[in-house]
C-alpha atoms as a PDB file:
ATOM      1  CA  MET A   1      -0.004   0.004  -0.001  1.00  0.00           C
ATOM      2  CA  SER A   2       1.414   3.412  -1.000  1.00  0.00           C
ATOM      3  CA  THR A   3       2.021   6.207   1.478  1.00  0.00           C
ATOM      4  CA  THR A   4      -0.893   8.220   0.045  1.00  0.00           C
ATOM      5  CA  ASN A   5      -3.258   5.258   0.192  1.00  0.00           C
ATOM      6  CA  THR A   6      -2.210   4.472   3.751  1.00  0.00           C
ATOM      7  CA  ARG A   7      -2.975   8.000   4.896  1.00  0.00           C
ATOM      8  CA  THR A   8      -6.299   8.042   3.067  1.00  0.00           C
ATOM      9  CA  ARG A   9      -7.267   4.664   4.520  1.00  0.00           C
ATOM     10  CA  ILE A  10      -6.488   5.779   8.074  1.00  0.00           C
ATOM     11  CA  LEU A  11      -8.426   9.000   7.576  1.00  0.00           C
ATOM     12  CA  GLU A  12     -11.487   7.275   6.126  1.00  0.00           C
ATOM     13  CA  VAL A  13     -11.545   4.682   8.915  1.00  0.00           C
ATOM     14  CA  ALA A  14     -11.182   7.357  11.611  1.00  0.00           C
ATOM     15  CA  THR A  15     -14.036   9.358  10.042  1.00  0.00           C
ATOM     16  CA  GLU A  16     -16.304   6.311  10.091  1.00  0.00           C
ATOM     17  CA  LEU A  17     -15.413   5.492  13.688  1.00  0.00           C
ATOM     18  CA  VAL A  18     -16.118   9.079  14.803  1.00  0.00           C
ATOM     19  CA  ALA A  19     -19.528   9.026  13.098  1.00  0.00           C
ATOM     20  CA  ASP A  20     -20.457   5.661  14.648  1.00  0.00           C
ATOM     21  CA  SER A  21     -19.101   6.348  18.142  1.00  0.00           C
ATOM     22  CA  PRO A  22     -21.738   6.898  20.877  1.00  0.00           C
ATOM     23  CA  ASP A  23     -19.899   9.963  22.150  1.00  0.00           C
ATOM     24  CA  GLY A  24     -17.765  10.883  19.141  1.00  0.00           C
ATOM     25  CA  ASP A  25     -14.536   9.767  20.783  1.00  0.00           C
ATOM     26  CA  ILE A  26     -12.172   7.222  19.256  1.00  0.00           C
ATOM     27  CA  SER A  27      -8.902   5.563  20.215  1.00  0.00           C
ATOM     28  CA  THR A  28      -5.839   5.382  18.004  1.00  0.00           C
ATOM     29  CA  ARG A  29      -5.675   1.658  18.722  1.00  0.00           C
ATOM     30  CA  ALA A  30      -9.167   1.135  17.284  1.00  0.00           C
ATOM     31  CA  VAL A  31      -8.244   3.173  14.201  1.00  0.00           C
ATOM     32  CA  CYS A  32      -5.075   1.153  13.626  1.00  0.00           C
ATOM     33  CA  GLU A  33      -6.927  -2.132  13.999  1.00  0.00           C
ATOM     34  CA  ALA A  34      -9.720  -1.124  11.619  1.00  0.00           C
ATOM     35  CA  ALA A  35      -7.285   0.315   9.070  1.00  0.00           C
ATOM     36  CA  GLN A  36      -4.942  -2.667   9.493  1.00  0.00           C
ATOM     37  CA  VAL A  37      -1.885  -0.495  10.054  1.00  0.00           C
ATOM     38  CA  GLY A  38       0.613  -0.187  12.884  1.00  0.00           C
ATOM     39  CA  ALA A  39       0.711   2.708  15.304  1.00  0.00           C
ATOM     40  CA  PRO A  40       3.964   4.079  13.789  1.00  0.00           C
ATOM     41  CA  ALA A  41       2.168   4.572  10.451  1.00  0.00           C
ATOM     42  CA  LEU A  42      -0.614   6.577  12.110  1.00  0.00           C
ATOM     43  CA  TYR A  43       1.815   8.801  14.005  1.00  0.00           C
ATOM     44  CA  ARG A  44       4.006   9.262  10.937  1.00  0.00           C
ATOM     45  CA  HIS A  45       1.079  10.663   8.948  1.00  0.00           C
ATOM     46  CA  PHE A  46      -0.792  12.589  11.656  1.00  0.00           C
ATOM     47  CA  GLY A  47       1.639  13.222  14.495  1.00  0.00           C
ATOM     48  CA  ASP A  48      -0.704  12.326  17.345  1.00  0.00           C
ATOM     49  CA  LYS A  49      -4.382  11.787  18.123  1.00  0.00           C
ATOM     50  CA  GLU A  50      -5.182  15.482  17.939  1.00  0.00           C
ATOM     51  CA  GLY A  51      -3.547  15.687  14.543  1.00  0.00           C
ATOM     52  CA  LEU A  52      -5.662  12.766  13.360  1.00  0.00           C
ATOM     53  CA  LEU A  53      -8.877  14.310  14.689  1.00  0.00           C
ATOM     54  CA  SER A  54      -8.034  17.667  13.088  1.00  0.00           C
ATOM     55  CA  ALA A  55      -7.605  15.855   9.777  1.00  0.00           C
ATOM     56  CA  VAL A  56     -10.955  14.095  10.295  1.00  0.00           C
ATOM     57  CA  VAL A  57     -12.654  17.448  10.868  1.00  0.00           C
ATOM     58  CA  ASP A  58     -11.054  19.029   7.801  1.00  0.00           C
ATOM     59  CA  HIS A  59     -11.925  15.964   5.724  1.00  0.00           C
ATOM     60  CA  GLY A  60     -15.585  16.054   6.800  1.00  0.00           C
ATOM     61  CA  PHE A  61     -15.998  19.789   6.427  1.00  0.00           C
ATOM     62  CA  GLU A  62     -14.549  19.690   2.922  1.00  0.00           C
ATOM     63  CA  ARG A  63     -17.961  18.411   1.868  1.00  0.00           C
ATOM     64  CA  TYR A  64     -19.660  21.240   3.723  1.00  0.00           C
ATOM     65  CA  LEU A  65     -17.364  23.941   2.385  1.00  0.00           C
ATOM     66  CA  ALA A  66     -17.591  22.615  -1.161  1.00  0.00           C
ATOM     67  CA  THR A  67     -21.198  23.789  -1.337  1.00  0.00           C
ATOM     68  CA  LYS A  68     -20.187  27.261  -0.139  1.00  0.00           C
ATOM     69  CA  ARG A  69     -17.225  27.521  -2.518  1.00  0.00           C
ATOM     70  CA  GLU A  70     -19.318  26.496  -5.515  1.00  0.00           C
ATOM     71  CA  ARG A  71     -22.354  28.618  -4.752  1.00  0.00           C
ATOM     72  CA  ASP A  72     -23.196  31.624  -6.889  1.00  0.00           C
ATOM     73  CA  GLU A  73     -23.332  34.746  -4.775  1.00  0.00           C
ATOM     74  CA  SER A  74     -26.735  36.349  -5.129  1.00  0.00           C
ATOM     75  CA  THR A  75     -27.237  40.080  -5.456  1.00  0.00           C
ATOM     76  CA  ASP A  76     -28.672  39.984  -1.930  1.00  0.00           C
ATOM     77  CA  PRO A  77     -25.909  39.338   0.638  1.00  0.00           C
ATOM     78  CA  VAL A  78     -28.470  39.373   3.465  1.00  0.00           C
ATOM     79  CA  GLU A  79     -30.303  36.432   1.917  1.00  0.00           C
ATOM     80  CA  ASP A  80     -26.946  34.695   1.535  1.00  0.00           C
ATOM     81  CA  LEU A  81     -26.384  35.237   5.268  1.00  0.00           C
ATOM     82  CA  ARG A  82     -29.715  33.619   6.092  1.00  0.00           C
ATOM     83  CA  ARG A  83     -29.006  30.640   3.867  1.00  0.00           C
ATOM     84  CA  GLY A  84     -25.507  30.365   5.296  1.00  0.00           C
ATOM     85  CA  TRP A  85     -26.854  30.135   8.867  1.00  0.00           C
ATOM     86  CA  ASP A  86     -29.440  27.518   7.878  1.00  0.00           C
ATOM     87  CA  SER A  87     -26.914  25.352   6.010  1.00  0.00           C
ATOM     88  CA  HIS A  88     -24.495  25.574   8.963  1.00  0.00           C
ATOM     89  CA  VAL A  89     -27.089  24.312  11.432  1.00  0.00           C
ATOM     90  CA  GLU A  90     -28.366  21.666   9.018  1.00  0.00           C
ATOM     91  CA  PHE A  91     -24.842  20.293   8.618  1.00  0.00           C
ATOM     92  CA  ALA A  92     -24.430  20.086  12.384  1.00  0.00           C
ATOM     93  CA  VAL A  93     -27.688  18.173  12.844  1.00  0.00           C
ATOM     94  CA  ARG A  94     -26.781  15.731  10.068  1.00  0.00           C
ATOM     95  CA  ASN A  95     -23.224  15.201  11.405  1.00  0.00           C
ATOM     96  CA  PRO A  96     -23.505  15.559  15.202  1.00  0.00           C
ATOM     97  CA  ASN A  97     -20.290  13.802  16.257  1.00  0.00           C
ATOM     98  CA  LEU A  98     -18.203  15.560  13.639  1.00  0.00           C
ATOM     99  CA  TYR A  99     -19.701  18.917  14.576  1.00  0.00           C
ATOM    100  CA  ARG A 100     -19.061  18.443  18.301  1.00  0.00           C
ATOM    101  CA  LEU A 101     -15.489  17.493  17.467  1.00  0.00           C
ATOM    102  CA  MET A 102     -15.137  20.567  15.296  1.00  0.00           C
ATOM    103  CA  ASN A 103     -15.987  22.781  18.259  1.00  0.00           C
ATOM    104  CA  SER A 104     -14.342  20.786  21.034  1.00  0.00           C
ATOM    105  CA  PRO A 105     -12.245  22.796  23.538  1.00  0.00           C
ATOM    106  CA  ALA A 106      -9.713  19.949  23.352  1.00  0.00           C
ATOM    107  CA  MET A 107      -8.812  21.006  19.813  1.00  0.00           C
ATOM    108  CA  ARG A 108      -5.914  23.362  20.524  1.00  0.00           C
ATOM    109  CA  THR A 109      -5.510  24.462  16.904  1.00  0.00           C
ATOM    110  CA  PRO A 110      -8.600  25.618  14.972  1.00  0.00           C
ATOM    111  CA  PRO A 111      -9.056  23.380  11.902  1.00  0.00           C
ATOM    112  CA  ALA A 112      -8.442  25.074   8.562  1.00  0.00           C
ATOM    113  CA  ALA A 113     -12.062  24.450   7.649  1.00  0.00           C
ATOM    114  CA  ALA A 114     -13.272  26.620  10.519  1.00  0.00           C
ATOM    115  CA  LEU A 115     -11.065  29.508   9.428  1.00  0.00           C
ATOM    116  CA  GLU A 116     -12.269  29.292   5.831  1.00  0.00           C
ATOM    117  CA  SER A 117     -15.900  29.185   6.942  1.00  0.00           C
ATOM    118  CA  HIS A 118     -15.324  32.355   8.980  1.00  0.00           C
ATOM    119  CA  ARG A 119     -13.769  34.097   5.956  1.00  0.00           C
ATOM    120  CA  ILE A 120     -16.760  33.225   3.771  1.00  0.00           C
ATOM    121  CA  LEU A 121     -19.145  34.626   6.392  1.00  0.00           C
ATOM    122  CA  THR A 122     -17.091  37.816   6.753  1.00  0.00           C
ATOM    123  CA  ARG A 123     -17.105  38.308   2.981  1.00  0.00           C
ATOM    124  CA  ASP A 124     -20.924  38.157   2.889  1.00  0.00           C
ATOM    125  CA  LEU A 125     -21.027  40.737   5.679  1.00  0.00           C
ATOM    126  CA  GLU A 126     -18.585  42.997   3.843  1.00  0.00           C
ATOM    127  CA  ARG A 127     -20.908  42.895   0.827  1.00  0.00           C
ATOM    128  CA  ALA A 128     -23.843  43.804   3.075  1.00  0.00           C
ATOM    129  CA  ALA A 129     -21.830  46.614   4.660  1.00  0.00           C
ATOM    130  CA  ALA A 130     -20.967  48.035   1.240  1.00  0.00           C
ATOM    131  CA  GLN A 131     -24.720  48.319   0.629  1.00  0.00           C
ATOM    132  CA  GLY A 132     -25.233  50.096   3.962  1.00  0.00           C
ATOM    133  CA  ARG A 133     -27.227  47.209   5.428  1.00  0.00           C
ATOM    134  CA  ILE A 134     -25.375  46.404   8.665  1.00  0.00           C
ATOM    135  CA  ARG A 135     -25.022  48.446  11.838  1.00  0.00           C
ATOM    136  CA  VAL A 136     -21.606  47.200  13.011  1.00  0.00           C
ATOM    137  CA  SER A 137     -18.317  46.292  11.394  1.00  0.00           C
ATOM    138  CA  PRO A 138     -18.205  43.052   9.382  1.00  0.00           C
ATOM    139  CA  GLU A 139     -15.619  41.592  11.751  1.00  0.00           C
ATOM    140  CA  LEU A 140     -17.783  42.116  14.844  1.00  0.00           C
ATOM    141  CA  ALA A 141     -20.900  40.962  13.019  1.00  0.00           C
ATOM    142  CA  ALA A 142     -19.101  37.760  11.959  1.00  0.00           C
ATOM    143  CA  GLN A 143     -18.126  37.035  15.559  1.00  0.00           C
ATOM    144  CA  MET A 144     -21.698  37.604  16.746  1.00  0.00           C
ATOM    145  CA  ILE A 145     -23.222  35.375  14.052  1.00  0.00           C
ATOM    146  CA  MET A 146     -20.636  32.621  14.408  1.00  0.00           C
ATOM    147  CA  SER A 147     -20.889  32.431  18.184  1.00  0.00           C
ATOM    148  CA  ALA A 148     -24.701  32.364  18.078  1.00  0.00           C
ATOM    149  CA  SER A 149     -25.014  29.850  15.245  1.00  0.00           C
ATOM    150  CA  VAL A 150     -22.445  27.511  16.807  1.00  0.00           C
ATOM    151  CA  GLY A 151     -24.257  27.770  20.144  1.00  0.00           C
ATOM    152  CA  VAL A 152     -27.596  26.891  18.571  1.00  0.00           C
ATOM    153  CA  ALA A 153     -26.110  24.019  16.567  1.00  0.00           C
ATOM    154  CA  LEU A 154     -24.335  22.548  19.604  1.00  0.00           C
ATOM    155  CA  MET A 155     -27.505  22.625  21.682  1.00  0.00           C
ATOM    156  CA  LEU A 156     -29.478  20.921  18.906  1.00  0.00           C
ATOM    157  CA  VAL A 157     -26.960  18.074  18.612  1.00  0.00           C
ATOM    158  CA  ALA A 158     -26.079  17.753  22.298  1.00  0.00           C
ATOM    159  CA  ARG A 159     -29.542  18.150  23.860  1.00  0.00           C
ATOM    160  CA  PRO A 160     -32.145  17.332  21.208  1.00  0.00           C
ATOM    161  CA  ALA A 161     -34.759  16.340  23.806  1.00  0.00           C
ATOM    162  CA  THR A 162     -34.580  19.793  25.417  1.00  0.00           C
ATOM    163  CA  PHE A 163     -34.105  21.889  22.299  1.00  0.00           C
ATOM    164  CA  ASP A 164     -36.919  20.353  20.272  1.00  0.00           C
ATOM    165  CA  ASP A 165     -38.513  23.498  18.793  1.00  0.00           C
ATOM    166  CA  ALA A 166     -38.198  23.154  15.016  1.00  0.00           C
ATOM    167  CA  ASP A 167     -38.230  26.930  14.631  1.00  0.00           C
ATOM    168  CA  MET A 168     -35.686  27.657  17.375  1.00  0.00           C
ATOM    169  CA  SER A 169     -32.732  28.068  15.028  1.00  0.00           C
ATOM    170  CA  ARG A 170     -34.690  30.429  12.782  1.00  0.00           C
ATOM    171  CA  ARG A 171     -35.874  32.487  15.767  1.00  0.00           C
ATOM    172  CA  VAL A 172     -32.323  32.929  17.074  1.00  0.00           C
ATOM    173  CA  ARG A 173     -31.062  33.643  13.567  1.00  0.00           C
ATOM    174  CA  ASP A 174     -33.595  36.406  13.035  1.00  0.00           C
ATOM    175  CA  ALA A 175     -32.957  37.894  16.487  1.00  0.00           C
ATOM    176  CA  VAL A 176     -29.194  38.021  15.928  1.00  0.00           C
ATOM    177  CA  HIS A 177     -29.630  39.425  12.422  1.00  0.00           C
ATOM    178  CA  ALA A 178     -31.985  42.101  13.768  1.00  0.00           C
ATOM    179  CA  SER A 179     -29.224  43.321  16.112  1.00  0.00           C
ATOM    180  CA  ILE A 180     -26.672  43.409  13.285  1.00  0.00           C
ATOM    181  CA  LEU A 181     -28.622  44.450  10.199  1.00  0.00           C
ATOM    182  CA  THR A 182     -30.432  47.674   9.478  1.00  0.00           C
ATOM    183  CA  PRO A 183     -34.215  47.440  10.094  1.00  0.00           C
ATOM    184  CA  ASP A 184     -35.170  47.131   6.425  1.00  0.00           C
ATOM    185  CA  ALA A 185     -32.601  44.378   5.854  1.00  0.00           C
ATOM    186  CA  ALA A 186     -33.538  42.472   9.006  1.00  0.00           C
ATOM    187  CA  ARG A 187     -37.274  42.403   8.198  1.00  0.00           C
ATOM    188  CA  VAL A 188     -38.149  43.567  11.712  1.00  0.00           C
ATOM    189  CA  GLU A 189     -41.632  44.650  12.661  1.00  0.00           C
ATOM    190  CA  PRO A 190     -42.361  48.392  12.775  1.00  0.00           C
ATOM    191  CA  GLY A 191     -41.334  49.804  16.147  1.00  0.00           C
ATOM    192  CA  ALA A 192     -38.983  46.903  16.934  1.00  0.00           C
ATOM    193  CA  ALA A 193     -35.946  49.046  16.193  1.00  0.00           C
ATOM    194  CA  GLU A 194     -35.080  52.725  15.993  1.00  0.00           C
ATOM    195  CA  PRO A 195     -33.801  53.423  12.460  1.00  0.00           C
ATOM    196  CA  ALA A 196     -32.516  56.866  13.378  1.00  0.00           C
ATOM    197  CA  ALA A 197     -30.269  55.405  16.072  1.00  0.00           C
ATOM    198  CA  ALA A 198     -28.738  53.044  13.529  1.00  0.00           C
ATOM    199  CA  GLU A 199     -28.048  55.582  10.776  1.00  0.00           C
ATOM    200  CA  VAL A 200     -24.592  56.714  11.936  1.00  0.00           C
ATOM    201  CA  PRO A 201     -23.216  53.221  12.751  1.00  0.00           C
ATOM    202  CA  SER A 202     -24.618  51.865   9.484  1.00  0.00           C
ATOM    203  CA  ALA A 203     -23.045  54.661   7.479  1.00  0.00           C
ATOM    204  CA  ALA A 204     -19.720  54.131   9.237  1.00  0.00           C
ATOM    205  CA  ALA A 205     -19.841  50.400   8.565  1.00  0.00           C
ATOM    206  CA  ARG A 206     -20.562  51.087   4.896  1.00  0.00           C
ATOM    207  CA  LEU A 207     -17.708  53.571   4.547  1.00  0.00           C
ATOM    208  CA  SER A 208     -15.345  51.129   6.248  1.00  0.00           C
ATOM    209  CA  ALA A 209     -16.378  48.354   3.846  1.00  0.00           C
ATOM    210  CA  LEU A 210     -15.933  50.611   0.805  1.00  0.00           C
ATOM    211  CA  LEU A 211     -12.532  51.656   2.112  1.00  0.00           C
ATOM    212  CA  ARG A 212     -11.479  47.983   2.149  1.00  0.00           C
ATOM    213  CA  GLU A 213     -12.451  47.589  -1.500  1.00  0.00           C
ATOM    214  CA  ALA A 214     -10.748  50.705  -2.804  1.00  0.00           C
ATOM    215  CA  GLN A 215      -8.308  52.791  -0.812  1.00  0.00           C
ATOM    216  CA  GLY A 216      -9.264  56.435  -1.136  1.00  0.00           C
ATOM    217  CA  PRO A 217      -7.172  58.695  -3.386  1.00  0.00           C
ATOM    218  CA  GLY A 218      -4.293  60.366  -1.612  1.00  0.00           C
ATOM    219  CA  LEU A 219      -4.439  58.047   1.404  1.00  0.00           C
ATOM    220  CA  SER A 220      -1.359  56.128   2.444  1.00  0.00           C
ATOM    221  CA  THR A 221      -1.670  52.580   3.774  1.00  0.00           C
ATOM    222  CA  ALA A 222      -1.246  53.854   7.330  1.00  0.00           C
ATOM    223  CA  GLU A 223      -3.847  56.588   6.835  1.00  0.00           C
ATOM    224  CA  ALA A 224      -6.335  54.121   5.330  1.00  0.00           C
ATOM    225  CA  ALA A 225      -5.786  51.742   8.267  1.00  0.00           C
ATOM    226  CA  LEU A 226      -6.344  54.570  10.762  1.00  0.00           C
ATOM    227  CA  MET A 227      -9.519  55.718   9.015  1.00  0.00           C
ATOM    228  CA  LYS A 228     -10.833  52.138   8.988  1.00  0.00           C
ATOM    229  CA  GLU A 229     -10.130  51.853  12.733  1.00  0.00           C
ATOM    230  CA  TRP A 230     -12.084  55.066  13.419  1.00  0.00           C
ATOM    231  CA  LEU A 231     -14.998  53.990  11.259  1.00  0.00           C
ATOM    232  CA  ASP A 232     -15.142  50.573  12.905  1.00  0.00           C
ATOM    233  CA  ARG A 233     -15.186  52.219  16.333  1.00  0.00           C
ATOM    234  CA  VAL A 234     -18.157  54.342  15.305  1.00  0.00           C
ATOM    235  CA  ALA A 235     -19.924  51.365  13.735  1.00  0.00           C
ATOM    236  CA  ASN A 236     -19.403  49.156  16.796  1.00  0.00           C
ATOM    237  CA  ALA A 237     -20.252  51.797  19.404  1.00  0.00           C
ATOM    238  CA  ARG A 238     -23.272  51.077  21.582  1.00  0.00           C
ATOM    239  CA  PRO A 239     -26.103  53.627  21.670  1.00  0.00           C
ATOM    240  CA  GLY A 240     -25.245  56.471  24.049  1.00  0.00           C
ATOM    241  CA  GLU A 241     -21.484  55.916  23.926  1.00  0.00           C
END
């Protein structure tokens, strides 16, 4: 068996064992036995158990990210954000052990797949900001959406008996989006938000996004970075600050 085939075989076996495990945990001994390889081969290809599990996560999420890479961006970045949330949660529910592993505190190094997913989300938010449709900076908005969507997904896969409301994910999604998006973009009910209070942060977020796309004439790199920092501060400021 070639080196490439050995690595692939170990990875495929580990992925199957993770999916079938009652708690998502596996032992390197079980992987070696199922793959019919010795422990030195596993450690040569993956370093240690954490390295193997990181590879399992990246391998599994390649399927998830493939749909995001291949998608055609619509002209409505806000709708892309909604679909992105829904596909994220759907993937978690369909792959509970893999998803819990992806977000395990034991994983000292974030898998590459997680970083790419965050970049895709931030890009959608930058497009929304360029249209003046978000209240805060894309970076802060991405952190808010990611933390909320991961929290919802983890509760759905870890405690399905407690979190059994089929509309729960959508309700949280819409609530988080309402705090990030401008009222017209968030589809909030009249009176649920104060548009006037959001005008300055939204404008600042839009200017910051446009500055990323095309540095203003006559601005040095340092000046552009400083202007972006000021605009992000305004965009992220809480009412009354």
